């Protein structure tokens, strides 16, 4: 428990810069990872929706709406976090 808190404190107080981030992961890699994760999430929604409804057309509609709304929500989530100074 104490070790976990020490690790969290270290992570929360370490400063990173764009230059540090670009060395560890290029922006294009982050974009591709975000898209691939969204595809995985949408496929999950499609499968679960199909299992629950038994209708592929309805499941596809649900997954499509999920894809768009989650992309929009993610954008605003990131913009809000960019304004928060905590952990920088």
N, C-alpha and C. Protein backbone atom coordinates (compact mmCIF):
# COMPACT_ATOMS: atom_id res chain seq x y z
N UNK A 1 0.82 -1.19 0.00
CA UNK A 1 0.00 0.00 0.00
C UNK A 1 0.87 1.25 0.00
N UNK A 2 1.87 1.28 0.87
CA UNK A 2 2.77 2.43 0.94
C UNK A 2 3.58 2.54 -0.34
N UNK A 3 4.02 1.39 -0.88
CA UNK A 3 4.79 1.39 -2.12
C UNK A 3 3.93 1.93 -3.26
N UNK A 4 2.66 1.52 -3.32
CA UNK A 4 1.75 2.02 -4.34
C UNK A 4 1.63 3.53 -4.27
N UNK A 5 1.50 4.07 -3.07
CA UNK A 5 1.38 5.52 -2.89
C UNK A 5 2.66 6.22 -3.32
N UNK A 6 3.81 5.62 -3.02
CA UNK A 6 5.08 6.21 -3.41
C UNK A 6 5.20 6.26 -4.93
N UNK A 7 4.78 5.20 -5.59
CA UNK A 7 4.82 5.16 -7.06
C UNK A 7 3.89 6.21 -7.64
N UNK A 8 2.67 6.30 -7.11
CA UNK A 8 1.72 7.30 -7.59
C UNK A 8 2.24 8.71 -7.38
N UNK A 9 2.86 8.97 -6.22
CA UNK A 9 3.43 10.29 -5.95
C UNK A 9 4.53 10.62 -6.96
N UNK A 10 5.38 9.66 -7.27
CA UNK A 10 6.48 9.88 -8.22
C UNK A 10 5.92 10.18 -9.61
N UNK A 11 4.94 9.39 -10.05
CA UNK A 11 4.34 9.60 -11.37
C UNK A 11 3.65 10.96 -11.42
N UNK A 12 2.95 11.32 -10.36
CA UNK A 12 2.18 12.58 -10.35
C UNK A 12 3.09 13.81 -10.31
N UNK A 13 4.29 13.67 -9.77
CA UNK A 13 5.15 14.84 -9.64
C UNK A 13 6.20 14.95 -10.74
N UNK A 14 6.39 13.89 -11.54
CA UNK A 14 7.36 13.96 -12.63
C UNK A 14 6.85 14.86 -13.73
N UNK A 15 7.72 15.72 -14.21
CA UNK A 15 7.35 16.60 -15.31
C UNK A 15 7.77 15.94 -16.62
N UNK A 16 6.89 16.03 -17.60
CA UNK A 16 7.23 15.56 -18.93
C UNK A 16 7.08 16.73 -19.89
N UNK A 17 7.81 16.64 -20.95
CA UNK A 17 7.72 17.67 -21.98
C UNK A 17 7.40 17.00 -23.29
N UNK A 18 7.00 17.79 -24.25
CA UNK A 18 6.74 17.25 -25.57
C UNK A 18 7.99 16.57 -26.11
N UNK A 19 9.15 17.17 -25.84
CA UNK A 19 10.40 16.60 -26.32
C UNK A 19 10.63 15.22 -25.72
N UNK A 20 10.34 15.06 -24.42
CA UNK A 20 10.45 13.74 -23.79
C UNK A 20 9.45 12.76 -24.39
N UNK A 21 8.23 13.23 -24.59
CA UNK A 21 7.19 12.36 -25.13
C UNK A 21 7.52 11.91 -26.55
N UNK A 22 8.06 12.82 -27.35
CA UNK A 22 8.35 12.48 -28.75
C UNK A 22 9.43 11.41 -28.83
N UNK A 23 10.32 11.37 -27.83
CA UNK A 23 11.36 10.35 -27.81
C UNK A 23 10.74 9.00 -27.46
N UNK A 24 9.80 9.00 -26.52
CA UNK A 24 9.22 7.74 -26.07
C UNK A 24 8.16 7.22 -27.04
N UNK A 25 7.41 8.11 -27.64
CA UNK A 25 6.36 7.69 -28.57
C UNK A 25 6.04 8.83 -29.52
N UNK A 26 6.12 8.56 -30.79
CA UNK A 26 5.83 9.59 -31.78
C UNK A 26 4.33 9.85 -31.84
N UNK A 27 3.93 11.10 -32.15
CA UNK A 27 2.50 11.43 -32.21
C UNK A 27 1.71 10.53 -33.16
N UNK A 28 2.29 10.16 -34.30
CA UNK A 28 1.58 9.29 -35.25
C UNK A 28 1.26 7.94 -34.61
N UNK A 29 2.19 7.44 -33.82
CA UNK A 29 1.95 6.17 -33.12
C UNK A 29 0.76 6.31 -32.16
N UNK A 30 0.70 7.43 -31.44
CA UNK A 30 -0.42 7.67 -30.52
C UNK A 30 -1.74 7.72 -31.28
N UNK A 31 -1.74 8.36 -32.43
CA UNK A 31 -2.97 8.45 -33.24
C UNK A 31 -3.40 7.07 -33.71
N UNK A 32 -2.46 6.28 -34.22
CA UNK A 32 -2.79 4.93 -34.69
C UNK A 32 -3.29 4.07 -33.54
N UNK A 33 -2.66 4.20 -32.36
CA UNK A 33 -3.12 3.44 -31.20
C UNK A 33 -4.54 3.85 -30.81
N UNK A 34 -4.83 5.14 -30.83
CA UNK A 34 -6.17 5.61 -30.47
C UNK A 34 -7.21 5.06 -31.44
N UNK A 35 -6.90 5.10 -32.73
CA UNK A 35 -7.85 4.58 -33.73
C UNK A 35 -8.02 3.08 -33.58
N UNK A 36 -6.91 2.36 -33.39
CA UNK A 36 -7.03 0.90 -33.26
C UNK A 36 -7.82 0.53 -32.01
N UNK A 37 -7.64 1.28 -30.92
CA UNK A 37 -8.41 1.01 -29.71
C UNK A 37 -9.89 1.30 -29.92
N UNK A 38 -10.20 2.37 -30.66
CA UNK A 38 -11.59 2.70 -30.94
C UNK A 38 -12.23 1.62 -31.80
N UNK A 39 -11.49 1.05 -32.74
CA UNK A 39 -12.00 -0.05 -33.57
C UNK A 39 -12.30 -1.26 -32.68
N UNK A 40 -11.39 -1.59 -31.78
CA UNK A 40 -11.61 -2.72 -30.86
C UNK A 40 -12.86 -2.46 -30.01
N UNK A 41 -12.99 -1.25 -29.49
CA UNK A 41 -14.16 -0.91 -28.68
C UNK A 41 -15.46 -0.99 -29.47
N UNK A 42 -15.42 -0.55 -30.73
CA UNK A 42 -16.61 -0.59 -31.57
C UNK A 42 -16.99 -2.02 -31.92
N UNK A 43 -15.99 -2.86 -32.19
CA UNK A 43 -16.29 -4.28 -32.45
C UNK A 43 -16.91 -4.94 -31.22
N UNK A 44 -16.42 -4.59 -30.05
CA UNK A 44 -17.00 -5.10 -28.81
C UNK A 44 -18.47 -4.68 -28.69
N UNK A 45 -18.74 -3.40 -28.95
CA UNK A 45 -20.11 -2.90 -28.90
C UNK A 45 -20.99 -3.61 -29.92
N UNK A 46 -20.45 -3.83 -31.11
CA UNK A 46 -21.20 -4.52 -32.17
C UNK A 46 -21.57 -5.94 -31.73
N UNK A 47 -20.61 -6.66 -31.19
CA UNK A 47 -20.86 -8.05 -30.76
C UNK A 47 -21.86 -8.10 -29.61
N UNK A 48 -21.65 -7.26 -28.61
CA UNK A 48 -22.57 -7.25 -27.46
C UNK A 48 -23.97 -6.84 -27.90
N UNK A 49 -24.06 -5.83 -28.76
CA UNK A 49 -25.37 -5.39 -29.25
C UNK A 49 -26.07 -6.50 -30.04
N UNK A 50 -25.31 -7.22 -30.84
CA UNK A 50 -25.89 -8.32 -31.62
C UNK A 50 -26.37 -9.44 -30.68
N UNK A 51 -25.56 -9.76 -29.69
CA UNK A 51 -25.96 -10.81 -28.73
C UNK A 51 -27.25 -10.41 -28.01
N UNK A 52 -27.36 -9.14 -27.62
CA UNK A 52 -28.53 -8.68 -26.88
C UNK A 52 -29.77 -8.52 -27.74
N UNK A 53 -29.58 -8.08 -29.01
CA UNK A 53 -30.74 -7.80 -29.85
C UNK A 53 -31.05 -8.91 -30.85
N UNK A 54 -30.02 -9.64 -31.27
CA UNK A 54 -30.21 -10.67 -32.29
C UNK A 54 -30.42 -10.09 -33.69
N UNK A 55 -30.20 -8.79 -33.83
CA UNK A 55 -30.42 -8.12 -35.12
C UNK A 55 -29.13 -7.40 -35.54
N UNK A 56 -28.55 -7.84 -36.65
CA UNK A 56 -27.30 -7.26 -37.09
C UNK A 56 -27.46 -5.79 -37.49
N UNK A 57 -28.57 -5.45 -38.13
CA UNK A 57 -28.78 -4.05 -38.55
C UNK A 57 -28.85 -3.13 -37.33
N UNK A 58 -29.56 -3.54 -36.30
CA UNK A 58 -29.66 -2.74 -35.08
C UNK A 58 -28.30 -2.67 -34.37
N UNK A 59 -27.61 -3.80 -34.31
CA UNK A 59 -26.29 -3.83 -33.68
C UNK A 59 -25.31 -2.92 -34.40
N UNK A 60 -25.37 -2.90 -35.72
CA UNK A 60 -24.50 -2.02 -36.51
C UNK A 60 -24.83 -0.56 -36.26
N UNK A 61 -26.11 -0.24 -36.16
CA UNK A 61 -26.51 1.13 -35.85
C UNK A 61 -25.99 1.56 -34.49
N UNK A 62 -26.14 0.71 -33.51
CA UNK A 62 -25.66 1.01 -32.16
C UNK A 62 -24.15 1.20 -32.16
N UNK A 63 -23.43 0.31 -32.83
CA UNK A 63 -21.97 0.40 -32.88
C UNK A 63 -21.51 1.67 -33.60
N UNK A 64 -22.22 2.04 -34.66
CA UNK A 64 -21.87 3.26 -35.41
C UNK A 64 -22.06 4.51 -34.56
N UNK A 65 -23.19 4.57 -33.87
CA UNK A 65 -23.45 5.71 -32.99
C UNK A 65 -22.42 5.75 -31.86
N UNK A 66 -22.10 4.59 -31.31
CA UNK A 66 -21.10 4.48 -30.26
C UNK A 66 -19.75 5.00 -30.74
N UNK A 67 -19.35 4.62 -31.94
CA UNK A 67 -18.07 5.05 -32.50
C UNK A 67 -17.99 6.57 -32.57
N UNK A 68 -19.02 7.20 -33.12
CA UNK A 68 -19.03 8.65 -33.29
C UNK A 68 -19.09 9.37 -31.94
N UNK A 69 -20.00 8.96 -31.08
CA UNK A 69 -20.15 9.67 -29.80
C UNK A 69 -18.91 9.52 -28.93
N UNK A 70 -18.29 8.36 -28.93
CA UNK A 70 -17.10 8.17 -28.09
C UNK A 70 -15.91 8.96 -28.63
N UNK A 71 -15.82 9.12 -29.95
CA UNK A 71 -14.74 9.95 -30.51
C UNK A 71 -14.94 11.40 -30.07
N UNK A 72 -16.17 11.88 -30.12
CA UNK A 72 -16.47 13.26 -29.71
C UNK A 72 -16.20 13.44 -28.21
N UNK A 73 -16.70 12.50 -27.41
CA UNK A 73 -16.47 12.58 -25.96
C UNK A 73 -14.98 12.53 -25.62
N UNK A 74 -14.24 11.70 -26.32
CA UNK A 74 -12.80 11.60 -26.08
C UNK A 74 -12.11 12.93 -26.38
N UNK A 75 -12.50 13.57 -27.47
CA UNK A 75 -11.91 14.86 -27.85
C UNK A 75 -12.11 15.88 -26.72
N UNK A 76 -13.36 16.02 -26.24
CA UNK A 76 -13.63 16.98 -25.19
C UNK A 76 -12.98 16.59 -23.87
N UNK A 77 -12.91 15.30 -23.59
CA UNK A 77 -12.22 14.79 -22.41
C UNK A 77 -10.77 15.24 -22.42
N UNK A 78 -10.08 15.08 -23.54
CA UNK A 78 -8.69 15.50 -23.68
C UNK A 78 -8.53 17.01 -23.55
N UNK A 79 -9.45 17.78 -24.14
CA UNK A 79 -9.37 19.24 -24.07
C UNK A 79 -9.52 19.71 -22.63
N UNK A 80 -10.43 19.09 -21.89
CA UNK A 80 -10.62 19.45 -20.48
C UNK A 80 -9.36 19.11 -19.68
N UNK A 81 -8.80 17.92 -19.90
CA UNK A 81 -7.59 17.53 -19.17
C UNK A 81 -6.41 18.44 -19.51
N UNK A 82 -6.38 18.99 -20.71
CA UNK A 82 -5.31 19.92 -21.06
C UNK A 82 -5.35 21.19 -20.23
N UNK A 83 -6.49 21.52 -19.69
CA UNK A 83 -6.64 22.73 -18.84
C UNK A 83 -6.31 22.47 -17.38
N UNK A 84 -6.25 21.21 -17.00
CA UNK A 84 -5.99 20.84 -15.60
C UNK A 84 -4.48 20.80 -15.37
N UNK A 85 -4.03 21.53 -14.38
CA UNK A 85 -2.59 21.64 -14.10
C UNK A 85 -2.06 20.48 -13.26
N UNK A 86 -2.93 19.72 -12.61
CA UNK A 86 -2.51 18.66 -11.73
C UNK A 86 -1.65 17.63 -12.47
N UNK A 87 -0.54 17.25 -11.86
CA UNK A 87 0.31 16.21 -12.42
C UNK A 87 1.29 16.68 -13.47
N UNK A 88 1.36 17.97 -13.70
CA UNK A 88 2.30 18.47 -14.72
C UNK A 88 3.57 18.92 -14.09
